[in-house]
Amino acid sequence: MLAFVAYGVVLVTLIGFAVTRHSPAARESWAHLRDVATPFALPAAWLVAALATLGSLYLSEIAGLDPCQLCWFQRIAMYPLFLLLGIAALRADVYTARRYLVWFPLVGAAISVYHYQLERFPGQPTLSCGLDAPCSIPVVNIWGFASVPFMALAAFMLIATLLLLAREPEGVDDEPVQPAATVSA
């Protein structure tokens, strides 16, 4: 169910962003929404990463499901987010999170999309998975379509959306200002 909530939040955010491109009133409402969401964005993104990390550990360590190689690649993108987003949330460092950490969920989402389509169309050749844990067979299959990569994609998309939705504090430029070099005669 959390995956569907995540997809809903991402979809509403995308629609809201698209509407703001055509209406000044909507642009003002969007700016207000971002101002309200900013203090909660990093802690919420950390919470999503924590739930995804704990969920993947539950599936492999408690439920006894062997993760395939693509699942490991998705974990490689998710596990550092648990620690790094936690540090960024404690420091309220939106600038660093947006600039450096947003790449983890984007790469993880790309792997999840590939993995999910591989499950939906299993006849494709793949070099990344073995016979003991094949990538084309969903180990979890809820309602016939919600599998591990489906849930991972929801988490990655929600984390990226939260990071991109958050505003950087006023006065933060894209590049840190370097002091001018002084020339001595």
Protein backbone atom coordinates (compact mmCIF):
# COMPACT_ATOMS: atom_id res chain seq x y z
CA MET A 1 0.00 0.00 0.00
CA LEU A 2 2.89 2.36 0.72
CA ALA A 3 4.04 2.01 -2.89
CA PHE A 4 0.66 3.24 -4.11
CA VAL A 5 0.79 6.19 -1.70
CA ALA A 6 4.26 6.99 -3.01
CA TYR A 7 3.11 6.83 -6.63
CA GLY A 8 0.15 9.07 -5.72
CA VAL A 9 2.36 11.70 -4.10
CA VAL A 10 4.72 11.68 -7.10
CA LEU A 11 1.81 11.95 -9.56
CA VAL A 12 0.14 14.82 -7.67
CA THR A 13 3.50 16.62 -7.46
CA LEU A 14 4.11 16.22 -11.20
CA ILE A 15 0.61 17.47 -12.03
CA GLY A 16 1.05 20.40 -9.65
CA PHE A 17 4.36 21.28 -11.23
CA ALA A 18 2.87 21.10 -14.75
CA VAL A 19 -0.05 23.35 -13.79
CA THR A 20 2.32 25.98 -12.39
CA ARG A 21 3.94 26.42 -15.79
CA HIS A 22 0.69 27.92 -17.16
CA SER A 23 -0.79 29.91 -14.28
CA PRO A 24 0.76 32.66 -12.15
CA ALA A 25 -1.70 31.94 -9.32
CA ALA A 26 -0.77 28.26 -9.37
CA ARG A 27 2.92 29.26 -9.39
CA GLU A 28 2.37 31.25 -6.20
CA SER A 29 0.53 28.32 -4.58
CA TRP A 30 3.36 26.00 -5.69
CA ALA A 31 5.95 28.27 -4.05
CA HIS A 32 3.92 28.24 -0.84
CA LEU A 33 3.64 24.44 -0.96
CA ARG A 34 7.41 24.15 -1.40
CA ASP A 35 7.98 26.49 1.55
CA VAL A 36 5.69 24.36 3.72
CA ALA A 37 7.16 21.03 2.50
CA THR A 38 10.84 21.99 2.75
CA PRO A 39 11.32 21.37 6.50
CA PHE A 40 9.73 17.92 6.15
CA ALA A 41 11.28 16.85 2.83
CA LEU A 42 14.61 15.52 4.09
CA PRO A 43 13.17 13.68 7.13
CA ALA A 44 10.43 12.20 4.91
CA ALA A 45 12.98 11.14 2.28
CA TRP A 46 15.08 9.54 5.02
CA LEU A 47 11.99 7.72 6.34
CA VAL A 48 11.24 6.34 2.87
CA ALA A 49 14.86 5.17 2.52
CA ALA A 50 14.72 3.60 5.99
CA LEU A 51 11.49 1.71 5.22
CA ALA A 52 12.85 0.51 1.86
CA THR A 53 16.11 -0.60 3.45
CA LEU A 54 14.37 -2.43 6.28
CA GLY A 55 11.90 -3.97 3.82
CA SER A 56 14.66 -5.35 1.63
CA LEU A 57 16.51 -6.70 4.65
CA TYR A 58 13.30 -8.33 5.87
CA LEU A 59 12.75 -10.04 2.52
CA SER A 60 16.27 -11.46 2.37
CA GLU A 61 17.17 -12.09 6.00
CA ILE A 62 13.85 -13.00 7.64
CA ALA A 63 11.62 -14.18 4.78
CA GLY A 64 14.58 -16.05 3.25
CA LEU A 65 14.19 -14.78 -0.32
CA ASP A 66 17.39 -14.69 -2.35
CA PRO A 67 17.85 -11.29 -4.02
CA CYS A 68 18.83 -11.38 -7.67
CA GLN A 69 21.71 -9.34 -9.02
CA LEU A 70 19.45 -6.45 -10.09
CA CYS A 71 17.95 -6.38 -6.58
CA TRP A 72 21.49 -6.00 -5.25
CA PHE A 73 22.11 -3.09 -7.61
CA GLN A 74 18.92 -1.42 -6.36
CA ARG A 75 20.10 -2.00 -2.79
CA ILE A 76 23.43 -0.39 -3.66
CA ALA A 77 21.48 2.73 -4.64
CA MET A 78 19.15 2.62 -1.59
CA TYR A 79 21.34 1.65 1.37
CA PRO A 80 23.63 4.71 1.28
CA LEU A 81 20.53 6.92 1.20
CA PHE A 82 19.53 5.59 4.61
CA LEU A 83 22.73 6.94 6.15
CA LEU A 84 23.36 10.00 3.98
CA LEU A 85 19.79 11.32 4.06
CA GLY A 86 19.78 10.80 7.82
CA ILE A 87 22.87 12.98 8.14
CA ALA A 88 21.46 15.57 5.73
CA ALA A 89 18.16 15.63 7.64
CA LEU A 90 19.93 16.11 10.98
CA ARG A 91 21.96 18.97 9.52
CA ALA A 92 18.98 20.35 7.54
CA ASP A 93 21.32 20.42 4.55
CA VAL A 94 18.95 20.65 1.58
CA TYR A 95 21.67 22.05 -0.69
CA THR A 96 23.95 19.01 -0.34
CA ALA A 97 21.07 16.54 -0.53
CA ARG A 98 19.69 18.08 -3.71
CA ARG A 99 23.04 18.47 -5.36
CA TYR A 100 24.75 15.19 -4.48
CA LEU A 101 22.21 12.67 -3.19
CA VAL A 102 19.48 13.03 -5.81
CA TRP A 103 21.56 10.89 -8.19
CA PHE A 104 21.19 7.78 -6.02
CA PRO A 105 17.38 7.54 -6.42
CA LEU A 106 17.56 8.45 -10.10
CA VAL A 107 20.02 5.63 -10.83
CA GLY A 108 18.07 3.25 -8.59
CA ALA A 109 14.84 4.14 -10.40
CA ALA A 110 16.43 3.37 -13.76
CA ILE A 111 17.55 -0.04 -12.51
CA SER A 112 14.07 -0.65 -11.04
CA VAL A 113 12.38 0.19 -14.35
CA TYR A 114 14.68 -2.21 -16.20
CA HIS A 115 14.14 -4.93 -13.59
CA TYR A 116 10.36 -4.47 -13.57
CA GLN A 117 10.06 -4.68 -17.36
CA LEU A 118 12.31 -7.75 -17.28
CA GLU A 119 9.81 -9.39 -14.91
CA ARG A 120 6.85 -8.40 -17.13
CA PHE A 121 8.55 -9.66 -20.32
CA PRO A 122 10.67 -12.61 -19.11
CA GLY A 123 11.74 -13.92 -22.51
CA GLN A 124 14.49 -11.32 -22.83
CA PRO A 125 18.10 -12.40 -22.55
CA THR A 126 19.96 -10.88 -19.63
CA LEU A 127 23.56 -11.16 -18.55
CA SER A 128 22.98 -9.95 -15.02
CA CYS A 129 21.16 -12.78 -13.24
CA GLY A 130 21.89 -16.38 -12.38
CA LEU A 131 19.83 -19.56 -12.12
CA ASP A 132 19.65 -19.50 -8.31
CA ALA A 133 18.01 -16.03 -8.25
CA PRO A 134 16.65 -15.16 -11.71
CA CYS A 135 15.71 -11.53 -12.36
CA SER A 136 12.74 -12.40 -14.54
CA ILE A 137 10.77 -14.24 -11.84
CA PRO A 138 9.05 -11.99 -9.26
CA VAL A 139 9.73 -13.28 -5.74
CA VAL A 140 6.88 -11.11 -4.45
CA ASN A 141 3.82 -10.66 -6.63
CA ILE A 142 0.95 -8.75 -5.03
CA TRP A 143 -2.21 -8.32 -7.16
CA GLY A 144 -0.33 -9.67 -10.15
CA PHE A 145 1.84 -6.61 -10.74
CA ALA A 146 3.30 -5.22 -7.49
CA SER A 147 6.72 -6.82 -7.16
CA VAL A 148 9.96 -5.85 -5.44
CA PRO A 149 11.17 -3.61 -8.31
CA PHE A 150 7.71 -1.99 -8.44
CA MET A 151 7.99 -1.11 -4.75
CA ALA A 152 11.64 -0.04 -5.09
CA LEU A 153 10.72 2.23 -8.00
CA ALA A 154 8.02 3.86 -5.86
CA ALA A 155 10.54 4.50 -3.08
CA PHE A 156 13.19 5.88 -5.45
CA MET A 157 10.69 8.16 -7.20
CA LEU A 158 9.30 9.47 -3.91
CA ILE A 159 12.78 10.18 -2.54
CA ALA A 160 13.76 12.03 -5.73
CA THR A 161 10.49 13.97 -5.68
CA LEU A 162 10.97 15.00 -2.05
CA LEU A 163 14.54 16.09 -2.70
CA LEU A 164 13.56 18.12 -5.76
CA LEU A 165 10.52 19.61 -4.02
CA ALA A 166 12.55 21.00 -1.12
CA ARG A 167 13.78 24.56 -1.41
CA GLU A 168 17.34 25.50 -0.70
CA PRO A 169 17.74 28.21 1.95
CA GLU A 170 17.87 31.80 0.73
CA GLY A 171 21.32 33.01 -0.18
CA VAL A 172 22.64 29.59 -1.23
CA ASP A 173 24.11 29.77 -4.71
CA ASP A 174 24.78 26.88 -7.03
CA GLU A 175 28.50 27.22 -6.51
CA PRO A 176 30.27 28.24 -3.31
CA VAL A 177 31.96 31.60 -3.66
CA GLN A 178 35.74 31.36 -3.73
CA PRO A 179 37.72 34.24 -2.32
CA ALA A 180 39.49 36.31 -4.95
CA ALA A 181 43.18 35.65 -5.26
CA THR A 182 45.35 38.50 -4.17
CA VAL A 183 48.41 39.42 -6.14
CA SER A 184 51.37 40.67 -4.16
CA ALA A 185 53.87 42.93 -5.82
